[in-house]
Amino acid sequence: MNLALSARDARITAVVGGRCQTLAGLGPGRLVVHCLNYRIWMGGLSDHLTLEETGALVVPFGVGETELLIRTIAEVGIDAISCTPSCPAVRERVIADRFRGLALRDMGLKLGLFGGEAGVDDPAFRARMRDTWGMQARNANYGVSDVFCNFAAECAHDTALHFMAGDVLYPELINPDSGAPIAIATEARGELVLTHLARDCQPLVRFRTGDILEIAVTDPCACGCTGFRFRVVGRSDDMVVVRRLNMFPTMVAAVINGFAALSGEYLIRLDKAPPYDRLPVAVELAKEVVSDPGLADTLAVEIKARLGATAAITLVPHGSLPRTEGKTKRVIRGYE
C-alpha cells in the first residue's frame, strides 16, 4: 500500500506526533536513537519527524545491527530510545552473546519511547525496563499508519493513552460486529473509527482501524491534556472467541508475564477454523528453566481464573519462539 503526504500533511503529522513524544518525556537536551524501520513502513520517517519536533537530537538508526547500536549509544551518549516493545528482548539476547559482562543499566538509557505494538501497559514489562535497563518505559507512539502515524501517548501522571489530535482527527467508537455507534464515555469499549479533518493526500472518512479501545476517562488529566484517555484492548482481527468469550493476545500476555519461570514470549496457533472450546498457547520458558508439566497446568488454571477461558498450554524451550524488532505476530491462523 502506497501512502502519500503533502508538505502540509507532513507538517501536521510532525506537530501532533511531537505533542505525543513531548507528553511522554522527550524534549531539548535529550539524545534519542530511533530504532524503527525507515524502509517499507510509513512510521519510520514520520516518527523521526515527530521526535525532532520535540527539540531532541535524533540519531536515525533503524533496525538490526545491534552491535553497532550498542557502540553508538555508548560513544554518542544517547539517553533515550524509540522502538517497539519487542526490541529490547532482541537486543538482550545479542548483548548476552556478544557483550559478555556488559550491564544493561550501564548503557545510560533513561527513557524508552515505545509504540507499534501492544505490551507497554503490562506492569511486568515496565518493571523489567526499569530493573534491567534502568529506563522509564513510556507508551509514546500510538497511531494507525493508514490514517495518522502518532496521535496518542501517555504522560507522567497517567499510563493511559491521551488522545492528542482532536484538531485534525474525528474519533468514533462502534460495535465491531454490528457497526452501531458507541458514545465515547468512561468504560465504553468499541472499535476505533477515524475521519480526517485536515488532509490533502488520501483523506479518509470513517476509516475502521480494527483497534478495540476501552475508554479510561474523559475528564482532563493532571498534565493539562483535555482529550479522552484510553487503552488498546486488542485488534478485532486478533480476537479469538473461545466459548463466547472474546480473547485478545494482550489479555493472555498479562497472565503469562506474572510467571518468573516464563520468558514472556508466546504464540497462539489456530490450526482449525472456529468455533473454539479452548485456546491453544505455546509459551516459552525463561532462560535456564527446565520444562515442568506442573507449570503448564498452573498457567492454565490462572488463565481460567482470570480470563474465564480454557487454555491448552504447550511449554517450549527458551529461544524457540521468534523475536522481531518490528511488530510481533501473536496469533497465527494456520488454516487460512
Protein backbone atom coordinates (compact mmCIF):
# COMPACT_ATOMS: atom_id res chain seq x y z
CA MET A 1 0.00 0.00 0.00
CA ASN A 2 1.41 3.35 -1.02
CA LEU A 3 0.74 6.28 1.30
CA ALA A 4 1.34 9.93 0.42
CA LEU A 5 1.77 13.13 2.42
CA SER A 6 1.73 16.67 1.12
CA ALA A 7 4.10 19.18 2.72
CA ARG A 8 1.20 20.36 4.91
CA ASP A 9 0.28 16.77 5.83
CA ALA A 10 3.86 16.06 6.86
CA ARG A 11 3.97 19.21 8.98
CA ILE A 12 0.69 18.33 10.74
CA THR A 13 1.98 14.81 11.35
CA ALA A 14 5.16 16.16 12.93
CA VAL A 15 3.34 18.67 15.14
CA VAL A 16 0.75 16.23 16.52
CA GLY A 17 3.30 13.45 16.95
CA GLY A 18 5.60 15.93 18.64
CA ARG A 19 2.87 16.65 21.18
CA CYS A 20 2.77 12.93 21.98
CA GLN A 21 6.53 12.47 22.29
CA THR A 22 6.78 15.61 24.44
CA LEU A 23 3.99 14.36 26.68
CA ALA A 24 5.95 11.12 27.15
CA GLY A 25 9.04 12.99 28.36
CA LEU A 26 11.17 13.77 25.30
CA GLY A 27 12.48 17.29 24.78
CA PRO A 28 15.51 19.57 24.35
CA GLY A 29 18.70 18.17 25.82
CA ARG A 30 17.73 14.55 25.11
CA LEU A 31 19.63 12.35 22.65
CA VAL A 32 17.28 9.73 21.25
CA VAL A 33 18.12 6.84 18.91
CA HIS A 34 15.25 5.94 16.57
CA CYS A 35 15.17 2.16 16.01
CA LEU A 36 12.07 1.76 13.87
CA ASN A 37 12.16 0.71 10.23
CA TYR A 38 12.81 3.54 7.77
CA ARG A 39 12.03 1.25 4.81
CA ILE A 40 8.67 -0.08 3.64
CA TRP A 41 6.86 1.45 6.60
CA MET A 42 5.19 4.82 6.88
CA GLY A 43 6.08 5.35 10.53
CA GLY A 44 9.85 5.19 10.20
CA LEU A 45 10.34 8.64 8.70
CA SER A 46 7.20 10.28 10.10
CA ASP A 47 8.07 9.17 13.65
CA HIS A 48 11.58 10.56 13.14
CA LEU A 49 9.99 13.93 12.36
CA THR A 50 7.84 13.76 15.49
CA LEU A 51 10.94 13.09 17.63
CA GLU A 52 12.72 16.09 16.10
CA GLU A 53 9.67 18.27 16.75
CA THR A 54 10.29 17.95 20.50
CA GLY A 55 13.68 19.65 20.21
CA ALA A 56 15.61 16.46 20.98
CA LEU A 57 18.64 15.37 18.95
CA VAL A 58 17.63 12.31 16.91
CA VAL A 59 20.00 9.57 15.72
CA PRO A 60 18.34 7.82 12.73
CA PHE A 61 19.43 4.22 13.27
CA GLY A 62 16.69 1.90 12.02
CA VAL A 63 16.51 -1.85 12.71
CA GLY A 64 19.17 -4.55 13.03
CA GLU A 65 22.93 -4.23 13.65
CA THR A 66 22.69 -4.50 17.42
CA GLU A 67 26.46 -4.42 17.93
CA LEU A 68 26.72 -1.11 16.09
CA LEU A 69 23.74 0.22 18.04
CA ILE A 70 25.40 -0.59 21.38
CA ARG A 71 28.60 1.16 20.32
CA THR A 72 26.62 4.16 19.05
CA ILE A 73 24.71 4.52 22.33
CA ALA A 74 27.97 4.43 24.29
CA GLU A 75 30.01 6.71 22.00
CA VAL A 76 27.34 9.37 21.42
CA GLY A 77 25.94 9.39 24.95
CA ILE A 78 22.38 8.51 23.96
CA ASP A 79 19.89 8.54 26.85
CA ALA A 80 16.58 7.69 25.11
CA ILE A 81 15.45 5.06 22.61
CA SER A 82 12.44 4.92 20.29
CA CYS A 83 11.42 1.36 19.34
CA THR A 84 8.77 -1.37 19.63
CA PRO A 85 8.28 -3.23 22.94
CA SER A 86 9.70 -6.37 21.27
CA CYS A 87 13.00 -4.66 20.52
CA PRO A 88 14.65 -4.83 23.99
CA ALA A 89 14.28 -8.63 24.15
CA VAL A 90 16.07 -8.96 20.81
CA ARG A 91 18.85 -6.66 21.98
CA GLU A 92 19.22 -8.52 25.28
CA ARG A 93 19.97 -11.82 23.51
CA VAL A 94 22.61 -10.27 21.27
CA ILE A 95 24.23 -8.39 24.15
CA ALA A 96 24.34 -11.56 26.27
CA ASP A 97 26.06 -13.45 23.42
CA ARG A 98 28.49 -10.79 22.18
CA PHE A 99 28.99 -8.30 25.01
CA ARG A 100 29.61 -10.56 27.97
CA GLY A 101 29.90 -8.63 31.19
CA LEU A 102 28.05 -5.56 29.88
CA ALA A 103 25.43 -4.44 32.39
CA LEU A 104 22.41 -3.07 30.52
CA ARG A 105 21.87 -0.46 33.23
CA ASP A 106 25.33 0.95 32.48
CA MET A 107 24.41 1.84 28.89
CA GLY A 108 22.90 5.15 30.02
CA LEU A 109 19.40 4.79 28.61
CA LYS A 110 16.92 6.64 30.83
CA LEU A 111 13.78 6.87 28.68
CA GLY A 112 12.15 4.25 26.47
CA LEU A 113 9.62 5.61 23.96
CA PHE A 114 7.60 2.63 22.80
CA GLY A 115 4.95 2.11 20.13
CA GLY A 116 3.93 -0.03 17.18
CA GLU A 117 2.55 -2.97 19.16
CA ALA A 118 0.99 -3.97 22.46
CA GLY A 119 2.91 -4.70 25.63
CA VAL A 120 3.83 -1.40 27.23
CA ASP A 121 0.78 -1.42 29.53
CA ASP A 122 1.97 -4.60 31.23
CA PRO A 123 3.44 -3.74 34.68
CA ALA A 124 5.91 -6.63 34.32
CA PHE A 125 7.30 -5.10 31.11
CA ARG A 126 7.69 -1.70 32.74
CA ALA A 127 9.38 -3.25 35.76
CA ARG A 128 11.82 -5.15 33.54
CA MET A 129 12.72 -1.98 31.64
CA ARG A 130 13.35 -0.21 34.94
CA ASP A 131 15.22 -3.00 36.71
CA THR A 132 17.17 -4.42 33.75
CA TRP A 133 17.80 -1.36 31.57
CA GLY A 134 17.44 1.42 34.12
CA MET A 135 14.96 3.34 31.97
CA GLN A 136 11.42 4.64 32.31
CA ALA A 137 9.11 2.95 29.80
CA ARG A 138 6.51 5.22 28.21
CA ASN A 139 3.76 4.44 25.73
CA ALA A 140 4.71 7.32 23.45
CA ASN A 141 3.63 6.38 19.97
CA TYR A 142 0.13 5.13 19.25
CA GLY A 143 -1.20 5.56 15.75
CA VAL A 144 -2.65 3.88 12.68
CA SER A 145 -0.31 4.22 9.71
CA ASP A 146 -3.16 4.30 7.18
CA VAL A 147 -4.57 7.39 8.90
CA PHE A 148 -2.09 9.11 11.20
CA CYS A 149 1.20 7.73 12.50
CA ASN A 150 1.14 9.06 16.07
CA PHE A 151 -1.79 10.72 17.80
CA ALA A 152 -1.79 9.37 21.38
CA ALA A 153 0.69 8.88 24.22
CA GLU A 154 0.87 8.62 28.00
CA CYS A 155 2.12 11.26 30.40
CA ALA A 156 3.97 11.17 33.72
CA HIS A 157 0.65 11.24 35.62
CA ASP A 158 -1.33 8.51 33.86
CA THR A 159 -0.30 5.40 31.88
CA ALA A 160 -3.50 5.55 29.80
CA LEU A 161 -3.07 6.93 26.28
CA HIS A 162 -4.15 10.56 25.80
CA PHE A 163 -5.90 11.42 22.52
CA MET A 164 -3.86 14.37 21.20
CA ALA A 165 -5.30 15.07 17.75
CA GLY A 166 -8.78 16.48 18.25
CA ASP A 167 -7.99 19.37 15.89
CA VAL A 168 -7.13 17.12 12.93
CA LEU A 169 -8.89 13.77 13.57
CA TYR A 170 -12.50 12.99 14.46
CA PRO A 171 -12.74 9.80 16.57
CA GLU A 172 -15.74 7.50 16.97
CA LEU A 173 -16.37 4.12 18.57
CA ILE A 174 -18.55 1.43 17.02
CA ASN A 175 -19.60 -2.11 17.81
CA PRO A 176 -17.13 -4.17 15.70
CA ASP A 177 -19.83 -6.69 14.77
CA SER A 178 -22.90 -4.56 14.12
CA GLY A 179 -21.29 -1.21 13.32
CA ALA A 180 -23.63 0.51 15.78
CA PRO A 181 -22.21 3.73 17.29
CA ILE A 182 -20.94 3.75 20.88
CA ALA A 183 -20.63 7.01 22.80
CA ILE A 184 -17.11 7.93 23.94
CA ALA A 185 -17.61 7.76 27.70
CA THR A 186 -15.80 6.29 30.69
CA GLU A 187 -15.59 2.46 30.46
CA ALA A 188 -17.02 2.38 26.93
CA ARG A 189 -15.43 -0.22 24.66
CA GLY A 190 -15.53 -0.45 20.88
CA GLU A 191 -13.64 -0.31 17.60
CA LEU A 192 -11.95 3.00 16.83
CA VAL A 193 -13.14 4.78 13.68
CA LEU A 194 -11.27 7.86 12.41
CA THR A 195 -12.05 10.68 9.99
CA HIS A 196 -9.50 13.22 8.74
CA LEU A 197 -10.37 16.85 9.47
CA ALA A 198 -7.24 18.22 7.79
CA ARG A 199 -5.65 16.22 4.97
CA ASP A 200 -4.51 16.98 1.43
CA CYS A 201 -3.48 13.47 0.30
CA GLN A 202 -5.72 10.41 0.62
CA PRO A 203 -8.26 11.84 3.12
CA LEU A 204 -10.30 9.15 4.86
CA VAL A 205 -13.86 9.30 6.16
CA ARG A 206 -14.97 6.89 8.92
CA PHE A 207 -12.00 4.57 8.48
CA ARG A 208 -12.31 1.41 10.60
CA THR A 209 -8.96 0.94 12.32
CA GLY A 210 -9.60 -2.56 13.68
CA ASP A 211 -8.32 -1.47 17.10
CA ILE A 212 -10.59 -2.16 20.07
CA LEU A 213 -10.35 0.62 22.67
CA GLU A 214 -11.56 0.92 26.23
CA ILE A 215 -12.12 4.48 27.41
CA ALA A 216 -10.43 5.04 30.78
CA VAL A 217 -11.73 8.55 31.50
CA THR A 218 -12.93 11.64 29.63
CA ASP A 219 -12.07 14.26 32.26
CA PRO A 220 -8.97 16.48 31.82
CA CYS A 221 -5.71 14.98 33.08
CA ALA A 222 -3.42 16.49 35.73
CA CYS A 223 -0.90 17.07 32.91
CA GLY A 224 -3.31 19.60 31.34
CA CYS A 225 -4.46 17.48 28.38
CA THR A 226 -8.20 17.55 27.78
CA GLY A 227 -8.52 14.68 25.28
CA PHE A 228 -10.11 11.41 26.39
CA ARG A 229 -7.79 8.74 27.78
CA PHE A 230 -7.94 5.12 26.65
CA ARG A 231 -6.26 1.73 26.48
CA VAL A 232 -5.98 -0.56 23.44
CA VAL A 233 -7.58 -3.89 24.32
CA GLY A 234 -6.52 -5.55 21.06
CA ARG A 235 -7.27 -5.80 17.38
CA SER A 236 -10.53 -7.11 16.05
CA ASP A 237 -8.61 -9.35 13.62
CA ASP A 238 -6.51 -10.78 16.51
CA MET A 239 -9.54 -11.57 18.64
CA VAL A 240 -10.21 -15.26 19.26
CA VAL A 241 -13.65 -16.29 20.52
CA VAL A 242 -13.46 -19.19 22.98
CA ARG A 243 -16.89 -20.41 24.07
CA ARG A 244 -18.42 -16.96 23.54
CA LEU A 245 -15.56 -15.20 25.38
CA ASN A 246 -13.58 -12.60 23.41
CA MET A 247 -9.88 -13.29 23.95
CA PHE A 248 -7.15 -10.83 22.91
CA PRO A 249 -3.39 -11.58 22.97
CA THR A 250 -2.78 -8.71 25.41
CA MET A 251 -5.06 -10.40 27.94
CA VAL A 252 -3.12 -13.66 27.69
CA ALA A 253 0.20 -11.81 27.91
CA ALA A 254 -0.84 -10.13 31.16
CA VAL A 255 -1.25 -13.57 32.76
CA ILE A 256 1.93 -15.07 31.28
CA ASN A 257 4.08 -12.16 32.42
CA GLY A 258 3.18 -12.91 36.03
CA PHE A 259 5.30 -16.09 35.93
CA ALA A 260 9.03 -15.66 36.56
CA ALA A 261 9.70 -19.11 35.04
CA LEU A 262 8.45 -17.89 31.64
CA SER A 263 10.24 -15.56 29.23
CA GLY A 264 7.07 -13.67 28.30
CA GLU A 265 7.16 -14.89 24.68
CA TYR A 266 4.09 -16.79 23.48
CA LEU A 267 2.20 -17.77 20.32
CA ILE A 268 -1.46 -18.59 19.77
CA ARG A 269 -1.58 -21.05 16.86
CA LEU A 270 -5.01 -21.87 15.46
CA ASP A 271 -4.82 -24.94 13.22
CA LYS A 272 -8.55 -25.18 12.52
CA ALA A 273 -11.39 -22.80 11.84
CA PRO A 274 -13.69 -21.69 14.69
CA PRO A 275 -15.57 -22.42 16.90
CA TYR A 276 -13.03 -22.99 19.69
CA ASP A 277 -13.59 -24.62 23.07
CA ARG A 278 -10.03 -23.91 24.26
CA LEU A 279 -7.21 -21.51 23.47
CA PRO A 280 -4.00 -23.20 22.22
CA VAL A 281 -0.99 -21.28 23.53
CA ALA A 282 2.71 -22.11 23.08
CA VAL A 283 4.61 -20.43 25.92
CA GLU A 284 8.38 -20.08 26.13
CA LEU A 285 10.32 -20.92 29.28
CA ALA A 286 12.71 -18.42 30.81
CA LYS A 287 16.43 -18.91 30.31
CA GLU A 288 17.85 -21.98 32.10
CA VAL A 289 14.40 -23.10 33.28
CA VAL A 290 13.60 -26.79 32.75
CA SER A 291 10.16 -27.77 31.50
CA ASP A 292 7.74 -28.83 34.22
CA PRO A 293 4.27 -30.22 33.41
CA GLY A 294 3.04 -28.72 36.67
CA LEU A 295 3.91 -25.23 35.38
CA ALA A 296 1.73 -25.68 32.30
CA ASP A 297 -1.17 -26.81 34.49
CA THR A 298 -0.70 -23.88 36.86
CA LEU A 299 -0.68 -21.40 33.97
CA ALA A 300 -3.83 -22.95 32.50
CA VAL A 301 -5.57 -22.66 35.88
CA GLU A 302 -4.52 -19.00 36.18
CA ILE A 303 -5.81 -18.18 32.68
CA LYS A 304 -9.09 -19.88 33.50
CA ALA A 305 -9.40 -17.99 36.77
CA ARG A 306 -8.56 -14.57 35.36
CA LEU A 307 -9.96 -14.75 31.82
CA GLY A 308 -12.64 -17.42 32.09
CA ALA A 309 -11.32 -19.40 29.11
CA THR A 310 -9.81 -22.88 28.99
CA ALA A 311 -6.28 -22.87 27.58
CA ALA A 312 -4.22 -25.72 26.15
CA ILE A 313 -0.66 -24.81 27.21
CA THR A 314 2.47 -26.09 25.47
CA LEU A 315 5.78 -25.16 27.08
CA VAL A 316 8.68 -24.70 24.66
CA PRO A 317 12.41 -24.18 25.38
CA HIS A 318 13.88 -20.71 25.77
CA GLY A 319 14.68 -19.17 22.38
CA SER A 320 12.20 -21.35 20.45
CA LEU A 321 9.78 -18.58 19.56
CA PRO A 322 10.80 -15.87 17.09
CA ARG A 323 11.82 -12.39 18.23
CA THR A 324 11.27 -9.43 15.96
CA GLU A 325 12.33 -5.80 16.10
CA GLY A 326 9.11 -4.79 14.44
CA LYS A 327 5.58 -5.88 15.25
CA THR A 328 5.43 -9.40 16.68
CA LYS A 329 2.52 -11.51 15.40
CA ARG A 330 0.95 -13.34 18.32
CA VAL A 331 -1.95 -15.12 16.55
CA ILE A 332 -1.23 -17.49 13.66
CA ARG A 333 -4.22 -18.89 11.79
CA GLY A 334 -2.72 -21.93 10.07
CA TYR A 335 -5.97 -22.98 8.45
CA GLU A 336 -6.21 -19.87 6.23
